[in-house]
Amino acid sequence: MFDIGLQEMLVIGVLALLVFGPGKLPELGRMVGKALREFRRASEEFRSTVETNLHINEPDPIIAPTPSPVEPAPATVLPSEAEGPRVAAEPTAAVGVEPGEPYCAQRGSRLFHKSDCAWVSRIPETERAYFKHLADAREQGYTTCPVCEPWEPA
């Protein structure tokens, strides 16, 4: 790193021993070690922040299909003798319906799963990528989950 040889290190050690004394030298070594660890942690945090900021505008390598909007069910007219016709609204499906794709993966991961695999529930909805066929997932660089072992009928 600094191209310091054994002789230079020995001279620095003797000078440190003479200046600080044998009682303070271990404490000084601990302080230098803590300072180096803190500097390394801060530099890693800075590097990670810069890399994150550089990749903000880049598109994601895997694009999840958008779910189709759920159409509301038609209303049913119920005849009533006293009040005239009434309209009864039927319950509609939930808005957050998952797409019907049989395979799912997490962006940035390397595994893909069947949609009914237990691991899929651990993937946040915003991080999911859906696939209709095994070939699509493998084309994107994913490998099969060893738990659910996704397969396609022939």
C-alpha atoms as a PDB file:
ATOM      1  CA  MET A   1       0.000   0.000   0.000  1.00  0.00           C
ATOM      2  CA  PHE A   2       2.590   2.589   1.051  1.00  0.00           C
ATOM      3  CA  ASP A   3       5.584   0.467  -0.074  1.00  0.00           C
ATOM      4  CA  ILE A   4       7.094   0.379   3.410  1.00  0.00           C
ATOM      5  CA  GLY A   5       9.644  -2.330   4.041  1.00  0.00           C
ATOM      6  CA  LEU A   6      10.565  -4.210   7.218  1.00  0.00           C
ATOM      7  CA  GLN A   7      13.369  -1.788   8.137  1.00  0.00           C
ATOM      8  CA  GLU A   8      11.102   1.265   7.849  1.00  0.00           C
ATOM      9  CA  MET A   9       8.425  -0.445   9.979  1.00  0.00           C
ATOM     10  CA  LEU A  10      11.042  -1.288  12.627  1.00  0.00           C
ATOM     11  CA  VAL A  11      12.245   2.339  12.778  1.00  0.00           C
ATOM     12  CA  ILE A  12       8.655   3.628  13.068  1.00  0.00           C
ATOM     13  CA  GLY A  13       7.927   1.108  15.858  1.00  0.00           C
ATOM     14  CA  VAL A  14      11.061   2.111  17.856  1.00  0.00           C
ATOM     15  CA  LEU A  15      10.230   5.823  17.469  1.00  0.00           C
ATOM     16  CA  ALA A  16       6.622   5.222  18.602  1.00  0.00           C
ATOM     17  CA  LEU A  17       7.891   3.272  21.617  1.00  0.00           C
ATOM     18  CA  LEU A  18      10.282   6.095  22.566  1.00  0.00           C
ATOM     19  CA  VAL A  19       7.710   8.867  22.080  1.00  0.00           C
ATOM     20  CA  PHE A  20       4.608   7.268  23.644  1.00  0.00           C
ATOM     21  CA  GLY A  21       6.168   4.763  26.025  1.00  0.00           C
ATOM     22  CA  PRO A  22       5.256   1.091  26.579  1.00  0.00           C
ATOM     23  CA  GLY A  23       2.104   1.911  28.613  1.00  0.00           C
ATOM     24  CA  LYS A  24       0.378   4.062  25.998  1.00  0.00           C
ATOM     25  CA  LEU A  25       1.392   2.090  22.878  1.00  0.00           C
ATOM     26  CA  PRO A  26      -1.401  -0.576  23.105  1.00  0.00           C
ATOM     27  CA  GLU A  27      -4.008   2.151  23.669  1.00  0.00           C
ATOM     28  CA  LEU A  28      -2.670   4.077  20.681  1.00  0.00           C
ATOM     29  CA  GLY A  29      -2.875   0.917  18.539  1.00  0.00           C
ATOM     30  CA  ARG A  30      -6.534   0.411  19.498  1.00  0.00           C
ATOM     31  CA  MET A  31      -7.342   4.029  18.649  1.00  0.00           C
ATOM     32  CA  VAL A  32      -5.687   3.727  15.232  1.00  0.00           C
ATOM     33  CA  GLY A  33      -7.544   0.464  14.576  1.00  0.00           C
ATOM     34  CA  LYS A  34     -10.899   2.042  15.486  1.00  0.00           C
ATOM     35  CA  ALA A  35     -10.163   5.042  13.281  1.00  0.00           C
ATOM     36  CA  LEU A  36      -9.291   2.797  10.310  1.00  0.00           C
ATOM     37  CA  ARG A  37     -12.475   0.732  10.788  1.00  0.00           C
ATOM     38  CA  GLU A  38     -14.601   3.874  10.948  1.00  0.00           C
ATOM     39  CA  PHE A  39     -12.915   5.268   7.831  1.00  0.00           C
ATOM     40  CA  ARG A  40     -13.487   1.998   5.957  1.00  0.00           C
ATOM     41  CA  ARG A  41     -17.162   1.917   6.996  1.00  0.00           C
ATOM     42  CA  ALA A  42     -17.696   5.540   5.948  1.00  0.00           C
ATOM     43  CA  SER A  43     -16.012   4.991   2.586  1.00  0.00           C
ATOM     44  CA  GLU A  44     -18.158   1.878   1.907  1.00  0.00           C
ATOM     45  CA  GLU A  45     -21.306   3.822   2.807  1.00  0.00           C
ATOM     46  CA  PHE A  46     -20.269   6.682   0.506  1.00  0.00           C
ATOM     47  CA  ARG A  47     -19.479   4.276  -2.343  1.00  0.00           C
ATOM     48  CA  SER A  48     -22.833   2.524  -1.950  1.00  0.00           C
ATOM     49  CA  THR A  49     -24.690   5.869  -1.916  1.00  0.00           C
ATOM     50  CA  VAL A  50     -22.945   7.016  -5.083  1.00  0.00           C
ATOM     51  CA  GLU A  51     -23.640   3.704  -6.857  1.00  0.00           C
ATOM     52  CA  THR A  52     -27.313   3.864  -5.836  1.00  0.00           C
ATOM     53  CA  ASN A  53     -27.631   7.422  -7.113  1.00  0.00           C
ATOM     54  CA  LEU A  54     -25.960   6.528 -10.403  1.00  0.00           C
ATOM     55  CA  HIS A  55     -28.415   3.676 -11.003  1.00  0.00           C
ATOM     56  CA  ILE A  56     -31.605   5.608 -10.169  1.00  0.00           C
ATOM     57  CA  ASN A  57     -32.472   6.530 -13.762  1.00  0.00           C
ATOM     58  CA  GLU A  58     -31.529   3.203 -15.316  1.00  0.00           C
ATOM     59  CA  PRO A  59     -34.456   0.957 -16.233  1.00  0.00           C
ATOM     60  CA  ASP A  60     -34.933  -2.279 -14.360  1.00  0.00           C
ATOM     61  CA  PRO A  61     -33.610  -5.288 -16.300  1.00  0.00           C
ATOM     62  CA  ILE A  62     -36.834  -7.222 -15.659  1.00  0.00           C
ATOM     63  CA  ILE A  63     -40.132  -5.542 -16.395  1.00  0.00           C
ATOM     64  CA  ALA A  64     -43.177  -6.972 -14.640  1.00  0.00           C
ATOM     65  CA  PRO A  65     -46.398  -6.943 -16.649  1.00  0.00           C
ATOM     66  CA  THR A  66     -49.056  -4.611 -15.354  1.00  0.00           C
ATOM     67  CA  PRO A  67     -52.192  -6.302 -14.039  1.00  0.00           C
ATOM     68  CA  SER A  68     -55.317  -5.736 -16.070  1.00  0.00           C
ATOM     69  CA  PRO A  69     -57.939  -3.560 -14.389  1.00  0.00           C
ATOM     70  CA  VAL A  70     -60.794  -5.416 -12.760  1.00  0.00           C
ATOM     71  CA  GLU A  71     -64.170  -4.676 -14.340  1.00  0.00           C
ATOM     72  CA  PRO A  72     -67.060  -4.168 -11.891  1.00  0.00           C
ATOM     73  CA  ALA A  73     -69.838  -6.704 -11.940  1.00  0.00           C
ATOM     74  CA  PRO A  74     -73.145  -5.507 -13.420  1.00  0.00           C
ATOM     75  CA  ALA A  75     -75.843  -4.451 -10.982  1.00  0.00           C
ATOM     76  CA  THR A  76     -78.949  -6.594 -10.534  1.00  0.00           C
ATOM     77  CA  VAL A  77     -82.396  -5.009 -10.527  1.00  0.00           C
ATOM     78  CA  LEU A  78     -84.613  -6.438  -7.816  1.00  0.00           C
ATOM     79  CA  PRO A  79     -88.353  -5.836  -8.146  1.00  0.00           C
ATOM     80  CA  SER A  80     -90.178  -4.713  -5.060  1.00  0.00           C
ATOM     81  CA  GLU A  81     -93.939  -4.382  -4.737  1.00  0.00           C
ATOM     82  CA  ALA A  82     -94.039  -1.376  -2.394  1.00  0.00           C
ATOM     83  CA  GLU A  83     -91.016   0.716  -3.381  1.00  0.00           C
ATOM     84  CA  GLY A  84     -90.526   0.007  -7.073  1.00  0.00           C
ATOM     85  CA  PRO A  85     -87.334  -1.414  -8.552  1.00  0.00           C
ATOM     86  CA  ARG A  86     -84.178  -1.377  -6.395  1.00  0.00           C
ATOM     87  CA  VAL A  87     -80.622  -1.844  -7.554  1.00  0.00           C
ATOM     88  CA  ALA A  88     -78.449  -4.249  -5.582  1.00  0.00           C
ATOM     89  CA  ALA A  89     -74.728  -3.925  -6.210  1.00  0.00           C
ATOM     90  CA  GLU A  90     -72.876  -7.208  -6.335  1.00  0.00           C
ATOM     91  CA  PRO A  91     -69.499  -7.416  -4.658  1.00  0.00           C
ATOM     92  CA  THR A  92     -66.561  -6.676  -6.928  1.00  0.00           C
ATOM     93  CA  ALA A  93     -63.184  -8.353  -6.936  1.00  0.00           C
ATOM     94  CA  ALA A  94     -60.365  -6.803  -4.941  1.00  0.00           C
ATOM     95  CA  VAL A  95     -58.267  -4.214  -6.744  1.00  0.00           C
ATOM     96  CA  GLY A  96     -54.925  -5.861  -5.872  1.00  0.00           C
ATOM     97  CA  VAL A  97     -55.549  -9.054  -7.845  1.00  0.00           C
ATOM     98  CA  GLU A  98     -52.359 -10.827  -8.884  1.00  0.00           C
ATOM     99  CA  PRO A  99     -51.834 -11.448 -12.572  1.00  0.00           C
ATOM    100  CA  GLY A 100     -52.593 -15.007 -13.595  1.00  0.00           C
ATOM    101  CA  GLU A 101     -49.023 -15.810 -14.605  1.00  0.00           C
ATOM    102  CA  PRO A 102     -47.917 -19.170 -13.217  1.00  0.00           C
ATOM    103  CA  TYR A 103     -44.310 -18.134 -12.429  1.00  0.00           C
ATOM    104  CA  CYS A 104     -42.925 -15.378 -10.241  1.00  0.00           C
ATOM    105  CA  ALA A 105     -39.459 -14.064  -9.320  1.00  0.00           C
ATOM    106  CA  GLN A 106     -37.930 -11.269  -7.274  1.00  0.00           C
ATOM    107  CA  ARG A 107     -36.069  -8.565  -9.180  1.00  0.00           C
ATOM    108  CA  GLY A 108     -32.368  -8.783  -8.498  1.00  0.00           C
ATOM    109  CA  SER A 109     -32.681 -12.396  -7.398  1.00  0.00           C
ATOM    110  CA  ARG A 110     -31.608 -15.436  -9.393  1.00  0.00           C
ATOM    111  CA  LEU A 111     -34.473 -17.851  -8.610  1.00  0.00           C
ATOM    112  CA  PHE A 112     -38.010 -18.043  -9.963  1.00  0.00           C
ATOM    113  CA  HIS A 113     -40.918 -19.914  -8.378  1.00  0.00           C
ATOM    114  CA  LYS A 114     -44.381 -21.233  -9.101  1.00  0.00           C
ATOM    115  CA  SER A 115     -46.967 -18.642  -8.077  1.00  0.00           C
ATOM    116  CA  ASP A 116     -48.216 -20.997  -5.340  1.00  0.00           C
ATOM    117  CA  CYS A 117     -44.736 -21.538  -3.813  1.00  0.00           C
ATOM    118  CA  ALA A 118     -44.394 -20.538  -0.143  1.00  0.00           C
ATOM    119  CA  TRP A 119     -41.416 -18.303  -0.993  1.00  0.00           C
ATOM    120  CA  VAL A 120     -43.538 -16.035  -3.215  1.00  0.00           C
ATOM    121  CA  SER A 121     -45.365 -14.654  -0.159  1.00  0.00           C
ATOM    122  CA  ARG A 122     -42.025 -13.317   1.105  1.00  0.00           C
ATOM    123  CA  ILE A 123     -41.419 -11.263  -2.047  1.00  0.00           C
ATOM    124  CA  PRO A 124     -42.784  -7.702  -1.790  1.00  0.00           C
ATOM    125  CA  GLU A 125     -45.380  -6.950  -4.476  1.00  0.00           C
ATOM    126  CA  THR A 126     -43.297  -4.095  -5.890  1.00  0.00           C
ATOM    127  CA  GLU A 127     -40.312  -6.421  -6.375  1.00  0.00           C
ATOM    128  CA  ARG A 128     -42.168  -9.208  -8.209  1.00  0.00           C
ATOM    129  CA  ALA A 129     -41.682 -10.108 -11.855  1.00  0.00           C
ATOM    130  CA  TYR A 130     -44.231 -12.434 -13.450  1.00  0.00           C
ATOM    131  CA  PHE A 131     -43.686 -14.908 -16.305  1.00  0.00           C
ATOM    132  CA  LYS A 132     -46.103 -16.922 -18.413  1.00  0.00           C
ATOM    133  CA  HIS A 133     -43.610 -19.606 -19.473  1.00  0.00           C
ATOM    134  CA  LEU A 134     -40.466 -21.218 -18.105  1.00  0.00           C
ATOM    135  CA  ALA A 135     -38.578 -20.108 -21.193  1.00  0.00           C
ATOM    136  CA  ASP A 136     -39.368 -16.463 -20.406  1.00  0.00           C
ATOM    137  CA  ALA A 137     -37.898 -16.760 -16.914  1.00  0.00           C
ATOM    138  CA  ARG A 138     -34.819 -18.636 -18.079  1.00  0.00           C
ATOM    139  CA  GLU A 139     -34.327 -16.108 -20.872  1.00  0.00           C
ATOM    140  CA  GLN A 140     -34.171 -13.378 -18.227  1.00  0.00           C
ATOM    141  CA  GLY A 141     -31.387 -15.324 -16.435  1.00  0.00           C
ATOM    142  CA  TYR A 142     -33.385 -16.949 -13.626  1.00  0.00           C
ATOM    143  CA  THR A 143     -32.937 -20.514 -12.399  1.00  0.00           C
ATOM    144  CA  THR A 144     -35.585 -22.818 -10.954  1.00  0.00           C
ATOM    145  CA  CYS A 145     -36.419 -22.808  -7.252  1.00  0.00           C
ATOM    146  CA  PRO A 146     -35.128 -25.968  -5.523  1.00  0.00           C
ATOM    147  CA  VAL A 147     -38.181 -26.017  -3.222  1.00  0.00           C
ATOM    148  CA  CYS A 148     -41.067 -25.889  -5.695  1.00  0.00           C
ATOM    149  CA  GLU A 149     -39.131 -26.997  -8.835  1.00  0.00           C
ATOM    150  CA  PRO A 150     -41.310 -25.202 -11.422  1.00  0.00           C
ATOM    151  CA  TRP A 151     -42.076 -27.203 -14.560  1.00  0.00           C
ATOM    152  CA  GLU A 152     -44.356 -26.874 -17.559  1.00  0.00           C
ATOM    153  CA  PRO A 153     -46.603 -29.643 -18.817  1.00  0.00           C
ATOM    154  CA  ALA A 154     -45.574 -30.789 -22.281  1.00  0.00           C
END
